Amino acid sequence: MRVLVPTAVIAEATTGDHRRDANVNRELKRTTLVGLNEPIARAAAALRHAHRKVAAGTIDAIVVATADAVPGTRVLTGDPIDLGLLATVRGRTRVIALSQID
């Protein structure tokens, strides 16, 4: 299985202190990082706009927009409600709660 991580997630998941970020950095080395380009940024904006009443976060929208760009992608998350709402806009990405994984 290939694990993709949008680079914007690094800003949310790390502190900038290499000692505190050691575990996250170790896991990031095992992934493929995906940069934010204009089409994904615009798709994320559209997702946020579609769900502005539920206060969709920018990083969450980038995660779903990135996943939407890769057919068959599944997003594993501890925040399935917010990401799930965003994923319903295009219906391309399946969101799976980490609690559902054994």
PDB file of N, CA and C in Angstrom:
ATOM      1  N   MET A   1       0.838  -1.162   0.000  1.00  0.00           N
ATOM      2  CA  MET A   1       0.000   0.000   0.000  1.00  0.00           C
ATOM      3  C   MET A   1       0.897   1.243   0.000  1.00  0.00           C
ATOM      4  N   ARG A   2       0.577   2.180  -0.832  1.00  0.00           N
ATOM      5  CA  ARG A   2       1.313   3.442  -0.893  1.00  0.00           C
ATOM      6  C   ARG A   2       0.603   4.466  -0.013  1.00  0.00           C
ATOM      7  N   VAL A   3       1.343   5.140   0.842  1.00  0.00           N
ATOM      8  CA  VAL A   3       0.779   6.142   1.740  1.00  0.00           C
ATOM      9  C   VAL A   3       1.202   7.519   1.241  1.00  0.00           C
ATOM     10  N   LEU A   4       0.203   8.347   0.912  1.00  0.00           N
ATOM     11  CA  LEU A   4       0.450   9.710   0.457  1.00  0.00           C
ATOM     12  C   LEU A   4       0.139  10.673   1.594  1.00  0.00           C
ATOM     13  N   VAL A   5       0.976  11.679   1.762  1.00  0.00           N
ATOM     14  CA  VAL A   5       0.756  12.692   2.783  1.00  0.00           C
ATOM     15  C   VAL A   5       0.923  14.062   2.136  1.00  0.00           C
ATOM     16  N   PRO A   6      -0.140  14.880   2.146  1.00  0.00           N
ATOM     17  CA  PRO A   6       0.016  16.240   1.641  1.00  0.00           C
ATOM     18  C   PRO A   6       1.016  17.001   2.514  1.00  0.00           C
ATOM     19  N   THR A   7       1.911  17.741   1.886  1.00  0.00           N
ATOM     20  CA  THR A   7       2.940  18.452   2.660  1.00  0.00           C
ATOM     21  C   THR A   7       2.341  19.440   3.653  1.00  0.00           C
ATOM     22  N   ALA A   8       1.150  19.942   3.379  1.00  0.00           N
ATOM     23  CA  ALA A   8       0.514  20.871   4.319  1.00  0.00           C
ATOM     24  C   ALA A   8       0.240  20.211   5.665  1.00  0.00           C
ATOM     25  N   VAL A   9       0.102  18.895   5.670  1.00  0.00           N
ATOM     26  CA  VAL A   9      -0.135  18.163   6.922  1.00  0.00           C
ATOM     27  C   VAL A   9       1.067  18.283   7.853  1.00  0.00           C
ATOM     28  N   ILE A  10       2.254  18.426   7.288  1.00  0.00           N
ATOM     29  CA  ILE A  10       3.455  18.576   8.119  1.00  0.00           C
ATOM     30  C   ILE A  10       3.328  19.802   9.019  1.00  0.00           C
ATOM     31  N   ALA A  11       2.766  20.876   8.485  1.00  0.00           N
ATOM     32  CA  ALA A  11       2.590  22.099   9.282  1.00  0.00           C
ATOM     33  C   ALA A  11       1.649  21.877  10.462  1.00  0.00           C
ATOM     34  N   GLU A  12       0.680  20.992  10.291  1.00  0.00           N
ATOM     35  CA  GLU A  12      -0.276  20.728  11.356  1.00  0.00           C
ATOM     36  C   GLU A  12       0.200  19.652  12.330  1.00  0.00           C
ATOM     37  N   ALA A  13       0.978  18.701  11.834  1.00  0.00           N
ATOM     38  CA  ALA A  13       1.348  17.539  12.643  1.00  0.00           C
ATOM     39  C   ALA A  13       2.687  17.662  13.355  1.00  0.00           C
ATOM     40  N   THR A  14       3.440  18.716  13.072  1.00  0.00           N
ATOM     41  CA  THR A  14       4.746  18.867  13.713  1.00  0.00           C
ATOM     42  C   THR A  14       4.833  20.188  14.466  1.00  0.00           C
ATOM     43  N   THR A  15       5.873  20.286  15.287  1.00  0.00           N
ATOM     44  CA  THR A  15       6.065  21.487  16.109  1.00  0.00           C
ATOM     45  C   THR A  15       7.239  22.343  15.644  1.00  0.00           C
ATOM     46  N   GLY A  16       8.105  21.765  14.822  1.00  0.00           N
ATOM     47  CA  GLY A  16       9.326  22.464  14.429  1.00  0.00           C
ATOM     48  C   GLY A  16      10.518  22.086  15.297  1.00  0.00           C
ATOM     49  N   ASP A  17      10.269  21.363  16.366  1.00  0.00           N
ATOM     50  CA  ASP A  17      11.322  20.884  17.267  1.00  0.00           C
ATOM     51  C   ASP A  17      11.610  19.424  16.899  1.00  0.00           C
ATOM     52  N   HIS A  18      12.786  19.176  16.306  1.00  0.00           N
ATOM     53  CA  HIS A  18      13.091  17.833  15.811  1.00  0.00           C
ATOM     54  C   HIS A  18      12.999  16.759  16.895  1.00  0.00           C
ATOM     55  N   ARG A  19      13.252  17.124  18.152  1.00  0.00           N
ATOM     56  CA  ARG A  19      13.161  16.130  19.231  1.00  0.00           C
ATOM     57  C   ARG A  19      11.705  15.736  19.469  1.00  0.00           C
ATOM     58  N   ARG A  20      10.830  16.710  19.510  1.00  0.00           N
ATOM     59  CA  ARG A  20       9.401  16.431  19.737  1.00  0.00           C
ATOM     60  C   ARG A  20       8.749  15.806  18.519  1.00  0.00           C
ATOM     61  N   ASP A  21       9.295  16.081  17.350  1.00  0.00           N
ATOM     62  CA  ASP A  21       8.713  15.602  16.096  1.00  0.00           C
ATOM     63  C   ASP A  21       9.320  14.285  15.615  1.00  0.00           C
ATOM     64  N   ALA A  22      10.177  13.676  16.406  1.00  0.00           N
ATOM     65  CA  ALA A  22      10.914  12.488  15.957  1.00  0.00           C
ATOM     66  C   ALA A  22       9.993  11.373  15.472  1.00  0.00           C
ATOM     67  N   ASN A  23       8.933  11.078  16.207  1.00  0.00           N
ATOM     68  CA  ASN A  23       8.036   9.991  15.806  1.00  0.00           C
ATOM     69  C   ASN A  23       7.323  10.313  14.496  1.00  0.00           C
ATOM     70  N   VAL A  24       6.838  11.541  14.362  1.00  0.00           N
ATOM     71  CA  VAL A  24       6.157  11.941  13.129  1.00  0.00           C
ATOM     72  C   VAL A  24       7.130  11.903  11.962  1.00  0.00           C
ATOM     73  N   ASN A  25       8.327  12.441  12.178  1.00  0.00           N
ATOM     74  CA  ASN A  25       9.326  12.454  11.104  1.00  0.00           C
ATOM     75  C   ASN A  25       9.714  11.047  10.653  1.00  0.00           C
ATOM     76  N   ARG A  26       9.802  10.125  11.608  1.00  0.00           N
ATOM     77  CA  ARG A  26      10.132   8.737  11.278  1.00  0.00           C
ATOM     78  C   ARG A  26       9.041   8.148  10.376  1.00  0.00           C
ATOM     79  N   GLU A  27       7.791   8.411  10.680  1.00  0.00           N
ATOM     80  CA  GLU A  27       6.694   7.893   9.864  1.00  0.00           C
ATOM     81  C   GLU A  27       6.634   8.588   8.503  1.00  0.00           C
ATOM     82  N   LEU A  28       6.924   9.879   8.462  1.00  0.00           N
ATOM     83  CA  LEU A  28       6.899  10.609   7.191  1.00  0.00           C
ATOM     84  C   LEU A  28       7.920  10.059   6.201  1.00  0.00           C
ATOM     85  N   LYS A  29       9.026   9.546   6.701  1.00  0.00           N
ATOM     86  CA  LYS A  29      10.056   8.971   5.822  1.00  0.00           C
ATOM     87  C   LYS A  29       9.538   7.747   5.079  1.00  0.00           C
ATOM     88  N   ARG A  30       8.482   7.136   5.589  1.00  0.00           N
ATOM     89  CA  ARG A  30       7.918   5.931   4.976  1.00  0.00           C
ATOM     90  C   ARG A  30       6.771   6.259   4.021  1.00  0.00           C
ATOM     91  N   THR A  31       6.539   7.538   3.756  1.00  0.00           N
ATOM     92  CA  THR A  31       5.415   7.958   2.927  1.00  0.00           C
ATOM     93  C   THR A  31       5.893   8.658   1.658  1.00  0.00           C
ATOM     94  N   THR A  32       4.953   8.942   0.797  1.00  0.00           N
ATOM     95  CA  THR A  32       5.208   9.782  -0.368  1.00  0.00           C
ATOM     96  C   THR A  32       4.562  11.129  -0.084  1.00  0.00           C
ATOM     97  N   LEU A  33       5.374  12.175  -0.054  1.00  0.00           N
ATOM     98  CA  LEU A  33       4.852  13.511   0.204  1.00  0.00           C
ATOM     99  C   LEU A  33       4.318  14.114  -1.089  1.00  0.00           C
ATOM    100  N   VAL A  34       3.157  14.752  -0.986  1.00  0.00           N
ATOM    101  CA  VAL A  34       2.506  15.362  -2.145  1.00  0.00           C
ATOM    102  C   VAL A  34       2.411  16.864  -1.892  1.00  0.00           C
ATOM    103  N   GLY A  35       3.061  17.637  -2.769  1.00  0.00           N
ATOM    104  CA  GLY A  35       3.047  19.087  -2.632  1.00  0.00           C
ATOM    105  C   GLY A  35       1.714  19.690  -3.034  1.00  0.00           C
ATOM    106  N   LEU A  36       1.457  20.852  -2.509  1.00  0.00           N
ATOM    107  CA  LEU A  36       0.229  21.576  -2.832  1.00  0.00           C
ATOM    108  C   LEU A  36       0.446  22.357  -4.120  1.00  0.00           C
ATOM    109  N   ASN A  37      -0.292  21.977  -5.159  1.00  0.00           N
ATOM    110  CA  ASN A  37      -0.209  22.712  -6.413  1.00  0.00           C
ATOM    111  C   ASN A  37      -1.509  23.501  -6.610  1.00  0.00           C
ATOM    112  N   GLU A  38      -1.551  24.284  -7.657  1.00  0.00           N
ATOM    113  CA  GLU A  38      -2.730  25.139  -7.860  1.00  0.00           C
ATOM    114  C   GLU A  38      -4.032  24.354  -8.032  1.00  0.00           C
ATOM    115  N   PRO A  39      -4.073  23.294  -8.847  1.00  0.00           N
ATOM    116  CA  PRO A  39      -5.343  22.566  -8.978  1.00  0.00           C
ATOM    117  C   PRO A  39      -5.848  21.984  -7.650  1.00  0.00           C
ATOM    118  N   ILE A  40      -4.943  21.441  -6.847  1.00  0.00           N
ATOM    119  CA  ILE A  40      -5.363  20.891  -5.554  1.00  0.00           C
ATOM    120  C   ILE A  40      -5.787  22.020  -4.613  1.00  0.00           C
ATOM    121  N   ALA A  41      -5.068  23.132  -4.628  1.00  0.00           N
ATOM    122  CA  ALA A  41      -5.439  24.272  -3.785  1.00  0.00           C
ATOM    123  C   ALA A  41      -6.827  24.784  -4.148  1.00  0.00           C
ATOM    124  N   ARG A  42      -7.117  24.877  -5.427  1.00  0.00           N
ATOM    125  CA  ARG A  42      -8.440  25.350  -5.864  1.00  0.00           C
ATOM    126  C   ARG A  42      -9.537  24.334  -5.531  1.00  0.00           C
ATOM    127  N   ALA A  43      -9.219  23.061  -5.659  1.00  0.00           N
ATOM    128  CA  ALA A  43     -10.183  22.027  -5.287  1.00  0.00           C
ATOM    129  C   ALA A  43     -10.462  22.074  -3.784  1.00  0.00           C
ATOM    130  N   ALA A  44      -9.424  22.300  -2.983  1.00  0.00           N
ATOM    131  CA  ALA A  44      -9.598  22.416  -1.525  1.00  0.00           C
ATOM    132  C   ALA A  44     -10.464  23.616  -1.182  1.00  0.00           C
ATOM    133  N   ALA A  45     -10.253  24.721  -1.882  1.00  0.00           N
ATOM    134  CA  ALA A  45     -11.076  25.916  -1.651  1.00  0.00           C
ATOM    135  C   ALA A  45     -12.540  25.625  -1.960  1.00  0.00           C
ATOM    136  N   ALA A  46     -12.791  24.905  -3.047  1.00  0.00           N
ATOM    137  CA  ALA A  46     -14.167  24.557  -3.412  1.00  0.00           C
ATOM    138  C   ALA A  46     -14.805  23.655  -2.357  1.00  0.00           C
ATOM    139  N   LEU A  47     -14.022  22.717  -1.819  1.00  0.00           N
ATOM    140  CA  LEU A  47     -14.535  21.840  -0.758  1.00  0.00           C
ATOM    141  C   LEU A  47     -14.880  22.649   0.489  1.00  0.00           C
ATOM    142  N   ARG A  48     -13.986  23.550   0.875  1.00  0.00           N
ATOM    143  CA  ARG A  48     -14.246  24.398   2.049  1.00  0.00           C
ATOM    144  C   ARG A  48     -15.492  25.231   1.831  1.00  0.00           C
ATOM    145  N   HIS A  49     -15.629  25.785   0.650  1.00  0.00           N
ATOM    146  CA  HIS A  49     -16.790  26.629   0.361  1.00  0.00           C
ATOM    147  C   HIS A  49     -18.084  25.806   0.420  1.00  0.00           C
ATOM    148  N   ALA A  50     -18.033  24.585  -0.081  1.00  0.00           N
ATOM    149  CA  ALA A  50     -19.217  23.730  -0.077  1.00  0.00           C
ATOM    150  C   ALA A  50     -19.685  23.413   1.337  1.00  0.00           C
ATOM    151  N   HIS A  51     -18.770  23.412   2.291  1.00  0.00           N
ATOM    152  CA  HIS A  51     -19.118  23.081   3.680  1.00  0.00           C
ATOM    153  C   HIS A  51     -18.733  24.173   4.660  1.00  0.00           C
ATOM    154  N   ARG A  52     -18.835  25.402   4.236  1.00  0.00           N
ATOM    155  CA  ARG A  52     -18.429  26.500   5.115  1.00  0.00           C
ATOM    156  C   ARG A  52     -19.263  26.574   6.386  1.00  0.00           C
ATOM    157  N   LYS A  53     -20.470  26.060   6.369  1.00  0.00           N
ATOM    158  CA  LYS A  53     -21.318  26.097   7.560  1.00  0.00           C
ATOM    159  C   LYS A  53     -20.833  25.152   8.649  1.00  0.00           C
ATOM    160  N   VAL A  54     -20.007  24.183   8.279  1.00  0.00           N
ATOM    161  CA  VAL A  54     -19.475  23.255   9.285  1.00  0.00           C
ATOM    162  C   VAL A  54     -18.025  23.577   9.609  1.00  0.00           C
ATOM    163  N   ALA A  55     -17.575  24.747   9.210  1.00  0.00           N
ATOM    164  CA  ALA A  55     -16.225  25.227   9.516  1.00  0.00           C
ATOM    165  C   ALA A  55     -15.139  24.247   9.081  1.00  0.00           C
ATOM    166  N   ALA A  56     -15.209  23.848   7.829  1.00  0.00           N
ATOM    167  CA  ALA A  56     -14.196  22.946   7.295  1.00  0.00           C
ATOM    168  C   ALA A  56     -12.829  23.609   7.351  1.00  0.00           C
ATOM    169  N   GLY A  57     -11.852  22.905   7.900  1.00  0.00           N
ATOM    170  CA  GLY A  57     -10.509  23.440   8.011  1.00  0.00           C
ATOM    171  C   GLY A  57      -9.755  23.350   6.699  1.00  0.00           C
ATOM    172  N   THR A  58      -8.831  24.262   6.524  1.00  0.00           N
ATOM    173  CA  THR A  58      -8.040  24.300   5.300  1.00  0.00           C
ATOM    174  C   THR A  58      -7.231  23.021   5.116  1.00  0.00           C
ATOM    175  N   ILE A  59      -6.565  22.562   6.166  1.00  0.00           N
ATOM    176  CA  ILE A  59      -5.743  21.352   6.045  1.00  0.00           C
ATOM    177  C   ILE A  59      -6.627  20.152   5.725  1.00  0.00           C
ATOM    178  N   ASP A  60      -7.773  20.039   6.381  1.00  0.00           N
ATOM    179  CA  ASP A  60      -8.689  18.938   6.081  1.00  0.00           C
ATOM    180  C   ASP A  60      -9.104  18.970   4.610  1.00  0.00           C
ATOM    181  N   ALA A  61      -9.409  20.145   4.105  1.00  0.00           N
ATOM    182  CA  ALA A  61      -9.816  20.280   2.705  1.00  0.00           C
ATOM    183  C   ALA A  61      -8.674  19.908   1.759  1.00  0.00           C
ATOM    184  N   ILE A  62      -7.453  20.267   2.125  1.00  0.00           N
ATOM    185  CA  ILE A  62      -6.290  19.897   1.302  1.00  0.00           C
ATOM    186  C   ILE A  62      -6.116  18.381   1.296  1.00  0.00           C
ATOM    187  N   VAL A  63      -6.308  17.744   2.437  1.00  0.00           N
ATOM    188  CA  VAL A  63      -6.187  16.284   2.517  1.00  0.00           C
ATOM    189  C   VAL A  63      -7.196  15.622   1.582  1.00  0.00           C
ATOM    190  N   VAL A  64      -8.448  16.058   1.638  1.00  0.00           N
ATOM    191  CA  VAL A  64      -9.479  15.442   0.802  1.00  0.00           C
ATOM    192  C   VAL A  64      -9.258  15.779  -0.672  1.00  0.00           C
ATOM    193  N   ALA A  65      -8.893  17.017  -0.983  1.00  0.00           N
ATOM    194  CA  ALA A  65      -8.631  17.388  -2.380  1.00  0.00           C
ATOM    195  C   ALA A  65      -7.468  16.589  -2.953  1.00  0.00           C
ATOM    196  N   THR A  66      -6.445  16.360  -2.156  1.00  0.00           N
ATOM    197  CA  THR A  66      -5.309  15.548  -2.593  1.00  0.00           C
ATOM    198  C   THR A  66      -5.759  14.113  -2.840  1.00  0.00           C
ATOM    199  N   ALA A  67      -6.548  13.575  -1.921  1.00  0.00           N
ATOM    200  CA  ALA A  67      -7.055  12.212  -2.081  1.00  0.00           C
ATOM    201  C   ALA A  67      -7.966  12.103  -3.300  1.00  0.00           C
ATOM    202  N   ASP A  68      -8.802  13.109  -3.519  1.00  0.00           N
ATOM    203  CA  ASP A  68      -9.706  13.098  -4.672  1.00  0.00           C
ATOM    204  C   ASP A  68      -8.940  13.036  -5.994  1.00  0.00           C
ATOM    205  N   ALA A  69      -7.719  13.551  -6.002  1.00  0.00           N
ATOM    206  CA  ALA A  69      -6.918  13.580  -7.232  1.00  0.00           C
ATOM    207  C   ALA A  69      -6.308  12.217  -7.569  1.00  0.00           C
ATOM    208  N   VAL A  70      -6.376  11.272  -6.626  1.00  0.00           N
ATOM    209  CA  VAL A  70      -5.804   9.938  -6.843  1.00  0.00           C
ATOM    210  C   VAL A  70      -6.935   8.912  -6.723  1.00  0.00           C
ATOM    211  N   PRO A  71      -7.412   8.379  -7.854  1.00  0.00           N
ATOM    212  CA  PRO A  71      -8.543   7.445  -7.818  1.00  0.00           C
ATOM    213  C   PRO A  71      -8.324   6.277  -6.855  1.00  0.00           C
ATOM    214  N   GLY A  72      -9.392   5.951  -6.118  1.00  0.00           N
ATOM    215  CA  GLY A  72      -9.348   4.806  -5.214  1.00  0.00           C
ATOM    216  C   GLY A  72      -8.715   5.075  -3.868  1.00  0.00           C
ATOM    217  N   THR A  73      -8.424   6.332  -3.577  1.00  0.00           N
ATOM    218  CA  THR A  73      -7.749   6.666  -2.321  1.00  0.00           C
ATOM    219  C   THR A  73      -8.698   6.553  -1.132  1.00  0.00           C
ATOM    220  N   ARG A  74      -8.130   6.103  -0.036  1.00  0.00           N
ATOM    221  CA  ARG A  74      -8.838   6.069   1.251  1.00  0.00           C
ATOM    222  C   ARG A  74      -8.064   6.942   2.221  1.00  0.00           C
ATOM    223  N   VAL A  75      -8.792   7.710   3.010  1.00  0.00           N
ATOM    224  CA  VAL A  75      -8.170   8.568   4.017  1.00  0.00           C
ATOM    225  C   VAL A  75      -8.395   7.933   5.378  1.00  0.00           C
ATOM    226  N   LEU A  76      -7.298   7.656   6.082  1.00  0.00           N
ATOM    227  CA  LEU A  76      -7.378   7.137   7.448  1.00  0.00           C
ATOM    228  C   LEU A  76      -7.226   8.316   8.388  1.00  0.00           C
ATOM    229  N   THR A  77      -8.163   8.492   9.319  1.00  0.00           N
ATOM    230  CA  THR A  77      -8.151   9.680  10.149  1.00  0.00           C
ATOM    231  C   THR A  77      -8.771   9.456  11.522  1.00  0.00           C
ATOM    232  N   GLY A  78      -8.365  10.270  12.437  1.00  0.00           N
ATOM    233  CA  GLY A  78      -8.986  10.316  13.747  1.00  0.00           C
ATOM    234  C   GLY A  78     -10.142  11.310  13.764  1.00  0.00           C
ATOM    235  N   ASP A  79     -10.360  12.004  12.647  1.00  0.00           N
ATOM    236  CA  ASP A  79     -11.407  13.020  12.518  1.00  0.00           C
ATOM    237  C   ASP A  79     -12.331  12.671  11.343  1.00  0.00           C
ATOM    238  N   PRO A  80     -13.036  11.539  11.424  1.00  0.00           N
ATOM    239  CA  PRO A  80     -13.829  11.092  10.286  1.00  0.00           C
ATOM    240  C   PRO A  80     -15.039  11.963   9.971  1.00  0.00           C
ATOM    241  N   ILE A  81     -15.541  12.699  10.938  1.00  0.00           N
ATOM    242  CA  ILE A  81     -16.743  13.507  10.687  1.00  0.00           C
ATOM    243  C   ILE A  81     -16.434  14.664   9.747  1.00  0.00           C
ATOM    244  N   ASP A  82     -15.454  15.502  10.100  1.00  0.00           N
ATOM    245  CA  ASP A  82     -15.127  16.650   9.247  1.00  0.00           C
ATOM    246  C   ASP A  82     -14.619  16.220   7.879  1.00  0.00           C
ATOM    247  N   LEU A  83     -13.701  15.262   7.854  1.00  0.00           N
ATOM    248  CA  LEU A  83     -13.165  14.796   6.576  1.00  0.00           C
ATOM    249  C   LEU A  83     -14.242  14.076   5.765  1.00  0.00           C
ATOM    250  N   GLY A  84     -15.108  13.356   6.444  1.00  0.00           N
ATOM    251  CA  GLY A  84     -16.193  12.655   5.755  1.00  0.00           C
ATOM    252  C   GLY A  84     -17.144  13.614   5.063  1.00  0.00           C
ATOM    253  N   LEU A  85     -17.470  14.724   5.721  1.00  0.00           N
ATOM    254  CA  LEU A  85     -18.336  15.726   5.095  1.00  0.00           C
ATOM    255  C   LEU A  85     -17.694  16.300   3.839  1.00  0.00           C
ATOM    256  N   LEU A  86     -16.410  16.601   3.926  1.00  0.00           N
ATOM    257  CA  LEU A  86     -15.701  17.129   2.757  1.00  0.00           C
ATOM    258  C   LEU A  86     -15.652  16.098   1.633  1.00  0.00           C
ATOM    259  N   ALA A  87     -15.462  14.842   1.986  1.00  0.00           N
ATOM    260  CA  ALA A  87     -15.352  13.778   0.985  1.00  0.00           C
ATOM    261  C   ALA A  87     -16.671  13.537   0.255  1.00  0.00           C
ATOM    262  N   THR A  88     -17.791  13.899   0.857  1.00  0.00           N
ATOM    263  CA  THR A  88     -19.086  13.695   0.203  1.00  0.00           C
ATOM    264  C   THR A  88     -19.304  14.652  -0.964  1.00  0.00           C
ATOM    265  N   VAL A  89     -18.568  15.737  -1.019  1.00  0.00           N
ATOM    266  CA  VAL A  89     -18.772  16.725  -2.083  1.00  0.00           C
ATOM    267  C   VAL A  89     -18.573  16.095  -3.457  1.00  0.00           C
ATOM    268  N   ARG A  90     -17.479  15.407  -3.651  1.00  0.00           N
ATOM    269  CA  ARG A  90     -17.198  14.783  -4.952  1.00  0.00           C
ATOM    270  C   ARG A  90     -17.447  13.275  -4.944  1.00  0.00           C
ATOM    271  N   GLY A  91     -17.438  12.694  -3.755  1.00  0.00           N
ATOM    272  CA  GLY A  91     -17.692  11.264  -3.648  1.00  0.00           C
ATOM    273  C   GLY A  91     -16.596  10.380  -4.212  1.00  0.00           C
ATOM    274  N   ARG A  92     -15.386  10.899  -4.313  1.00  0.00           N
ATOM    275  CA  ARG A  92     -14.269  10.137  -4.881  1.00  0.00           C
ATOM    276  C   ARG A  92     -13.431   9.431  -3.815  1.00  0.00           C
ATOM    277  N   THR A  93     -13.496   9.943  -2.599  1.00  0.00           N
ATOM    278  CA  THR A  93     -12.610   9.470  -1.537  1.00  0.00           C
ATOM    279  C   THR A  93     -13.414   8.850  -0.414  1.00  0.00           C
ATOM    280  N   ARG A  94     -12.947   7.706   0.062  1.00  0.00           N
ATOM    281  CA  ARG A  94     -13.572   7.049   1.215  1.00  0.00           C
ATOM    282  C   ARG A  94     -12.785   7.416   2.464  1.00  0.00           C
ATOM    283  N   VAL A  95     -13.495   7.819   3.507  1.00  0.00           N
ATOM    284  CA  VAL A  95     -12.870   8.195   4.776  1.00  0.00           C
ATOM    285  C   VAL A  95     -13.091   7.068   5.781  1.00  0.00           C
ATOM    286  N   ILE A  96     -12.001   6.638   6.394  1.00  0.00           N
ATOM    287  CA  ILE A  96     -12.046   5.548   7.361  1.00  0.00           C
ATOM    288  C   ILE A  96     -11.506   6.052   8.696  1.00  0.00           C
ATOM    289  N   ALA A  97     -12.293   5.862   9.750  1.00  0.00           N
ATOM    290  CA  ALA A  97     -11.856   6.247  11.096  1.00  0.00           C
ATOM    291  C   ALA A  97     -10.793   5.293  11.580  1.00  0.00           C
ATOM    292  N   LEU A  98      -9.760   5.830  12.197  1.00  0.00           N
ATOM    293  CA  LEU A  98      -8.695   4.980  12.749  1.00  0.00           C
ATOM    294  C   LEU A  98      -9.264   3.970  13.735  1.00  0.00           C
ATOM    295  N   SER A  99     -10.337   4.326  14.425  1.00  0.00           N
ATOM    296  CA  SER A  99     -10.943   3.404  15.403  1.00  0.00           C
ATOM    297  C   SER A  99     -11.559   2.189  14.720  1.00  0.00           C
ATOM    298  N   GLN A 100     -11.781   2.227  13.395  1.00  0.00           N
ATOM    299  CA  GLN A 100     -12.339   1.102  12.666  1.00  0.00           C
ATOM    300  C   GLN A 100     -11.286   0.090  12.245  1.00  0.00           C
ATOM    301  N   ILE A 101     -10.026   0.448  12.431  1.00  0.00           N
ATOM    302  CA  ILE A 101      -8.926  -0.425  12.007  1.00  0.00           C
ATOM    303  C   ILE A 101      -8.490  -1.289  13.169  1.00  0.00           C
ATOM    304  N   ASP A 102      -8.423  -2.570  12.957  1.00  0.00           N
ATOM    305  CA  ASP A 102      -7.992  -3.496  14.022  1.00  0.00           C
ATOM    306  C   ASP A 102      -6.510  -3.634  14.043  1.00  0.00           C
TER     307      ASP A 102
END
